[in-house]
N, C-alpha and C. Protein backbone atom coordinates (compact mmCIF):
# COMPACT_ATOMS: atom_id res chain seq x y z
N MET A 1 -3.77 68.93 -22.52
CA MET A 1 -4.57 67.93 -21.55
C MET A 1 -5.18 66.68 -22.90
N ARG A 2 -5.32 65.65 -22.53
CA ARG A 2 -5.26 64.58 -23.31
C ARG A 2 -6.95 64.08 -23.46
N LYS A 3 -7.75 63.77 -24.32
CA LYS A 3 -8.98 63.30 -24.36
C LYS A 3 -9.17 61.80 -24.48
N VAL A 4 -10.22 61.20 -23.67
CA VAL A 4 -10.49 59.97 -23.92
C VAL A 4 -11.51 59.57 -24.05
N ASN A 5 -11.34 58.59 -24.98
CA ASN A 5 -12.50 58.54 -26.05
C ASN A 5 -13.99 56.77 -25.31
N LYS A 6 -14.39 57.22 -24.17
CA LYS A 6 -14.93 56.40 -23.59
C LYS A 6 -15.75 55.07 -24.66
N GLY A 7 -15.96 55.63 -25.75
CA GLY A 7 -16.82 54.84 -26.38
C GLY A 7 -15.92 53.81 -27.11
N LYS A 8 -14.57 53.99 -27.55
CA LYS A 8 -13.78 53.24 -28.35
C LYS A 8 -13.71 51.48 -27.51
N LYS A 9 -13.17 50.74 -28.58
CA LYS A 9 -13.86 48.66 -27.93
C LYS A 9 -12.31 48.80 -28.39
N ILE A 10 -11.20 48.10 -27.68
CA ILE A 10 -10.22 47.71 -27.43
C ILE A 10 -10.05 46.46 -28.38
N THR A 11 -9.77 46.66 -29.81
CA THR A 11 -9.29 45.04 -30.64
C THR A 11 -8.05 44.38 -30.17
N MET A 12 -8.87 42.86 -30.56
CA MET A 12 -7.29 42.12 -29.90
C MET A 12 -6.80 41.73 -31.87
N VAL A 13 -6.16 41.28 -31.73
CA VAL A 13 -4.96 40.84 -32.57
C VAL A 13 -5.95 39.80 -32.81
N LYS A 14 -5.98 38.68 -34.02
CA LYS A 14 -5.89 37.41 -34.25
C LYS A 14 -5.66 36.07 -33.73
N GLY A 15 -3.85 36.26 -33.40
CA GLY A 15 -2.41 35.90 -33.28
C GLY A 15 -2.96 35.81 -31.54
N GLU A 16 -3.88 37.12 -31.24
CA GLU A 16 -3.29 37.37 -29.74
C GLU A 16 -4.57 36.67 -28.85
N LYS A 17 -5.39 36.69 -29.64
CA LYS A 17 -6.72 35.95 -29.25
C LYS A 17 -6.77 34.44 -28.88
N VAL A 18 -5.83 33.46 -29.67
CA VAL A 18 -5.35 32.15 -29.55
C VAL A 18 -4.76 32.37 -28.31
N LEU A 19 -3.82 33.15 -28.38
CA LEU A 19 -2.98 33.22 -27.46
C LEU A 19 -3.18 32.89 -25.95
N TYR A 20 -4.57 33.71 -25.65
CA TYR A 20 -5.19 34.06 -24.41
C TYR A 20 -6.00 32.76 -24.27
N ILE A 21 -6.05 32.18 -25.18
CA ILE A 21 -6.84 31.05 -24.88
C ILE A 21 -5.81 30.40 -24.15
N LEU A 22 -5.00 29.55 -25.01
CA LEU A 22 -3.98 28.62 -24.56
C LEU A 22 -3.81 29.41 -23.38
N LEU A 23 -3.95 29.98 -23.26
CA LEU A 23 -2.80 30.58 -21.58
C LEU A 23 -4.24 30.07 -20.50
N PHE A 24 -4.99 30.45 -20.66
CA PHE A 24 -6.34 29.96 -19.55
C PHE A 24 -6.60 28.20 -19.92
N LEU A 25 -6.31 28.04 -21.11
CA LEU A 25 -6.09 26.41 -21.22
C LEU A 25 -4.74 25.67 -20.36
N LEU A 26 -3.71 26.25 -20.20
CA LEU A 26 -3.19 25.71 -19.47
C LEU A 26 -2.87 25.80 -18.15
N VAL A 27 -3.49 27.31 -17.74
CA VAL A 27 -3.77 27.64 -16.28
C VAL A 27 -4.74 26.37 -15.82
N ILE A 28 -5.68 26.28 -16.19
CA ILE A 28 -6.81 24.84 -15.96
C ILE A 28 -5.92 23.61 -16.32
N ALA A 29 -5.21 23.30 -16.82
CA ALA A 29 -4.71 21.85 -16.98
C ALA A 29 -3.31 21.81 -16.39
N VAL A 30 -2.86 22.56 -16.12
CA VAL A 30 -1.63 22.08 -15.50
C VAL A 30 -1.70 21.59 -13.42
N PRO A 31 -2.49 22.45 -12.99
CA PRO A 31 -3.41 21.82 -11.66
C PRO A 31 -3.89 20.72 -12.03
N ILE A 32 -4.59 20.21 -13.04
CA ILE A 32 -5.34 19.59 -12.86
C ILE A 32 -4.04 17.94 -13.28
N SER A 33 -3.75 18.20 -14.13
CA SER A 33 -2.38 17.03 -14.90
C SER A 33 -1.80 17.19 -13.35
N ASN A 34 -0.99 17.91 -12.65
CA ASN A 34 -0.80 17.46 -11.19
C ASN A 34 -1.46 16.76 -10.32
N VAL A 35 -2.49 17.10 -9.35
CA VAL A 35 -3.12 16.16 -8.85
C VAL A 35 -3.74 14.88 -9.74
N PHE A 36 -3.42 15.05 -10.68
CA PHE A 36 -3.64 13.40 -11.17
C PHE A 36 -2.69 12.62 -11.44
N THR A 37 -1.37 13.33 -11.78
CA THR A 37 -0.06 12.34 -11.23
C THR A 37 -0.13 12.24 -10.16
N LYS A 38 -0.28 12.52 -8.62
CA LYS A 38 -0.10 12.54 -7.98
C LYS A 38 -1.08 11.98 -7.74
N ALA A 39 -2.41 11.57 -7.70
CA ALA A 39 -3.10 10.74 -7.71
C ALA A 39 -2.59 9.16 -8.11
N MET A 40 -2.16 8.95 -9.30
CA MET A 40 -1.33 7.89 -9.96
C MET A 40 -0.08 7.11 -9.13
N LEU A 41 0.48 8.73 -8.45
CA LEU A 41 2.03 7.96 -7.76
C LEU A 41 1.41 7.24 -6.22
N SER A 42 0.03 8.10 -6.19
CA SER A 42 -0.20 7.51 -4.51
C SER A 42 -0.73 5.84 -4.74
N GLU A 43 -0.89 5.44 -5.88
CA GLU A 43 -1.82 4.30 -6.32
C GLU A 43 -0.96 3.32 -6.36
N SER A 44 0.47 4.06 -7.31
CA SER A 44 1.52 3.15 -7.04
C SER A 44 2.35 2.85 -5.55
N ASN A 45 2.37 3.68 -4.78
CA ASN A 45 2.75 3.28 -3.88
C ASN A 45 1.92 2.30 -3.05
N ILE A 46 1.42 2.21 -3.54
CA ILE A 46 0.31 1.30 -1.94
C ILE A 46 -0.10 -0.06 -3.31
N GLN A 47 0.22 -0.21 -4.43
CA GLN A 47 0.38 -1.33 -5.17
C GLN A 47 1.95 -2.18 -4.63
N VAL A 48 2.49 -0.90 -4.47
CA VAL A 48 4.13 -1.63 -4.42
C VAL A 48 4.22 -2.29 -2.79
N GLU A 49 3.50 -1.58 -1.59
CA GLU A 49 3.52 -1.54 -0.11
C GLU A 49 2.76 -2.71 -0.05
N GLN A 50 2.02 -3.19 -1.04
CA GLN A 50 1.04 -4.17 -1.23
C GLN A 50 1.59 -5.82 -1.82
N LEU A 51 2.86 -5.43 -2.44
CA LEU A 51 3.36 -6.40 -2.93
C LEU A 51 4.00 -6.53 -2.05
N LYS A 52 5.49 -5.87 -1.50
CA LYS A 52 6.37 -6.36 -0.60
C LYS A 52 5.81 -6.38 0.99
N ASN A 53 4.68 -7.06 1.20
CA ASN A 53 3.75 -7.44 2.31
C ASN A 53 3.40 -8.88 1.53
N LYS A 54 3.28 -9.36 0.45
CA LYS A 54 2.98 -10.30 -0.03
C LYS A 54 4.10 -11.09 0.25
N ILE A 55 5.22 -10.30 -0.42
CA ILE A 55 6.52 -11.37 -0.52
C ILE A 55 7.17 -11.45 0.98
N ASN A 56 6.94 -10.41 1.75
CA ASN A 56 7.37 -10.77 2.96
C ASN A 56 6.94 -12.06 3.68
N ARG A 57 5.40 -11.94 3.22
CA ARG A 57 4.66 -13.14 4.04
C ARG A 57 5.06 -14.71 3.35
N GLN A 58 5.62 -14.53 1.88
CA GLN A 58 6.07 -15.52 0.95
C GLN A 58 7.22 -16.15 1.55
N THR A 59 7.98 -15.20 2.03
CA THR A 59 9.17 -15.64 2.73
C THR A 59 9.67 -16.09 3.62
N ASN A 60 8.61 -15.43 4.59
CA ASN A 60 8.40 -16.22 5.90
C ASN A 60 8.00 -17.40 5.65
N LEU A 61 6.96 -18.14 4.69
CA LEU A 61 5.85 -19.50 4.67
C LEU A 61 7.17 -20.26 3.70
N ASN A 62 7.86 -19.98 3.10
CA ASN A 62 8.81 -20.43 2.27
C ASN A 62 10.27 -20.64 3.49
N GLU A 63 10.46 -20.04 4.20
CA GLU A 63 11.45 -20.60 5.40
C GLU A 63 11.12 -21.40 6.55
N SER A 64 9.61 -21.28 6.97
CA SER A 64 9.17 -22.12 7.69
C SER A 64 9.23 -23.67 6.96
N LEU A 65 8.86 -23.82 5.78
CA LEU A 65 9.02 -25.06 5.17
C LEU A 65 9.83 -25.39 4.88
N GLY A 66 11.40 -24.41 4.87
CA GLY A 66 12.44 -24.89 4.94
C GLY A 66 12.86 -25.69 6.24
N MET A 67 12.63 -25.24 6.44
CA MET A 67 12.81 -26.12 8.33
C MET A 67 12.55 -27.50 8.59
N GLN A 68 10.44 -27.37 8.40
CA GLN A 68 9.99 -28.53 8.24
C GLN A 68 11.12 -29.20 7.33
N ILE A 69 11.57 -29.38 5.64
CA ILE A 69 11.48 -30.03 5.10
C ILE A 69 13.26 -30.68 5.47
N ASN A 70 13.45 -30.18 6.40
CA ASN A 70 15.23 -30.27 6.95
C ASN A 70 14.72 -31.35 8.50
N GLU A 71 14.08 -30.98 9.03
CA GLU A 71 13.50 -31.22 10.06
C GLU A 71 13.08 -33.06 9.78
N LEU A 72 12.03 -32.75 9.04
CA LEU A 72 11.51 -34.29 8.03
C LEU A 72 12.95 -35.32 7.70
N ALA A 73 13.75 -34.20 7.05
CA ALA A 73 14.68 -34.96 6.10
C ALA A 73 15.88 -35.82 6.77
N SER A 74 15.32 -35.54 8.62
CA SER A 74 17.18 -35.75 9.91
C SER A 74 17.27 -36.99 9.31
N LEU A 75 18.03 -37.50 10.42
CA LEU A 75 18.24 -38.84 10.36
C LEU A 75 17.45 -39.81 11.52
N ASP A 76 17.41 -38.85 12.75
CA ASP A 76 16.85 -39.80 13.43
C ASP A 76 15.26 -39.52 12.91
N LYS A 77 14.18 -38.24 12.24
CA LYS A 77 13.45 -38.53 11.92
C LYS A 77 12.69 -39.86 10.66
N ILE A 78 13.68 -40.08 9.86
CA ILE A 78 14.19 -41.32 9.11
C ILE A 78 14.28 -42.85 9.71
N GLN A 79 15.10 -42.47 10.60
CA GLN A 79 14.88 -43.88 11.64
C GLN A 79 14.11 -43.96 12.45
N GLU A 80 13.11 -42.83 12.99
CA GLU A 80 11.88 -42.72 13.27
C GLU A 80 10.67 -43.88 12.56
N VAL A 81 10.67 -43.50 11.23
CA VAL A 81 9.36 -43.37 10.02
C VAL A 81 10.01 -45.19 10.62
N ALA A 82 11.32 -45.31 10.27
CA ALA A 82 11.51 -46.52 9.86
C ALA A 82 10.75 -47.68 10.57
N LYS A 83 11.50 -47.72 11.57
CA LYS A 83 10.93 -47.89 12.98
C LYS A 83 9.25 -48.61 13.16
N GLU A 84 8.69 -46.99 13.11
CA GLU A 84 6.85 -47.38 12.83
C GLU A 84 6.45 -48.32 12.37
N VAL A 85 7.44 -48.60 10.67
CA VAL A 85 6.32 -49.75 9.68
C VAL A 85 7.90 -50.82 9.97
N GLY A 86 8.56 -51.46 10.85
CA GLY A 86 9.04 -52.29 10.80
C GLY A 86 10.48 -52.49 10.23
N LEU A 87 11.38 -51.40 9.65
CA LEU A 87 12.30 -51.88 9.10
C LEU A 87 13.28 -51.30 9.80
N THR A 88 15.04 -51.38 9.79
CA THR A 88 15.87 -51.61 10.93
C THR A 88 16.74 -50.44 10.41
N TYR A 89 17.81 -50.05 10.81
CA TYR A 89 18.77 -49.12 10.35
C TYR A 89 19.79 -49.97 10.21
N ASN A 90 20.38 -50.85 9.18
CA ASN A 90 21.61 -51.11 9.75
C ASN A 90 23.30 -50.47 8.04
N ASN A 91 23.52 -50.32 8.76
CA ASN A 91 24.74 -49.08 8.43
C ASN A 91 25.35 -49.39 6.99
N ASP A 92 25.53 -51.14 7.41
CA ASP A 92 26.40 -51.92 6.21
C ASP A 92 25.72 -51.77 4.78
N ASN A 93 24.27 -51.74 4.80
CA ASN A 93 23.68 -51.76 3.72
C ASN A 93 23.97 -50.25 2.59
N ILE A 94 24.66 -49.90 3.50
CA ILE A 94 24.33 -48.47 2.97
C ILE A 94 25.42 -48.49 1.59
N LYS A 95 25.70 -47.69 0.73
CA LYS A 95 26.75 -47.65 -0.56
C LYS A 95 26.53 -46.18 -0.76
N VAL A 96 28.00 -45.60 -0.58
CA VAL A 96 27.86 -43.78 -0.68
C VAL A 96 28.18 -43.81 -2.64
N ILE A 97 27.31 -43.59 -3.45
CA ILE A 97 28.31 -43.30 -4.74
C ILE A 97 28.67 -41.85 -5.34
N THR A 98 30.24 -41.89 -5.62
CA THR A 98 30.71 -40.49 -5.37
C THR A 98 30.69 -40.06 -6.70
N ASN A 99 30.66 -38.98 -7.49
CA ASN A 99 30.66 -38.94 -9.08
C ASN A 99 32.43 -38.01 -9.36
N ASN A 100 32.81 -39.32 -9.69
CA ASN A 100 34.40 -38.70 -10.04
C ASN A 100 34.68 -37.90 -11.91
N ARG A 101 34.85 -36.56 -11.50
CA ARG A 101 35.17 -36.40 -12.68
C ARG A 101 36.18 -35.84 -12.86
């Protein structure tokens, strides 16, 4: 039969203590870093969605303004404005300039 020494202390090697401390820090750091990176990713996704919405609004505004430009630049609108200020449309006074390259 074997005798058990009740008062004997377990001693750790110097490197073993460092390894236990590093392991403990790793066990704490990994979940914290995981939560931090997920929070940053979520924040980035929110910013991306906000930018997409802003781009869509600007695109719609640009299309609307383009339609207004086309409407105001139409021949009918030009003739209407010309009549309002007392001008007349004379096709003989129009000269077409072409670029011959």
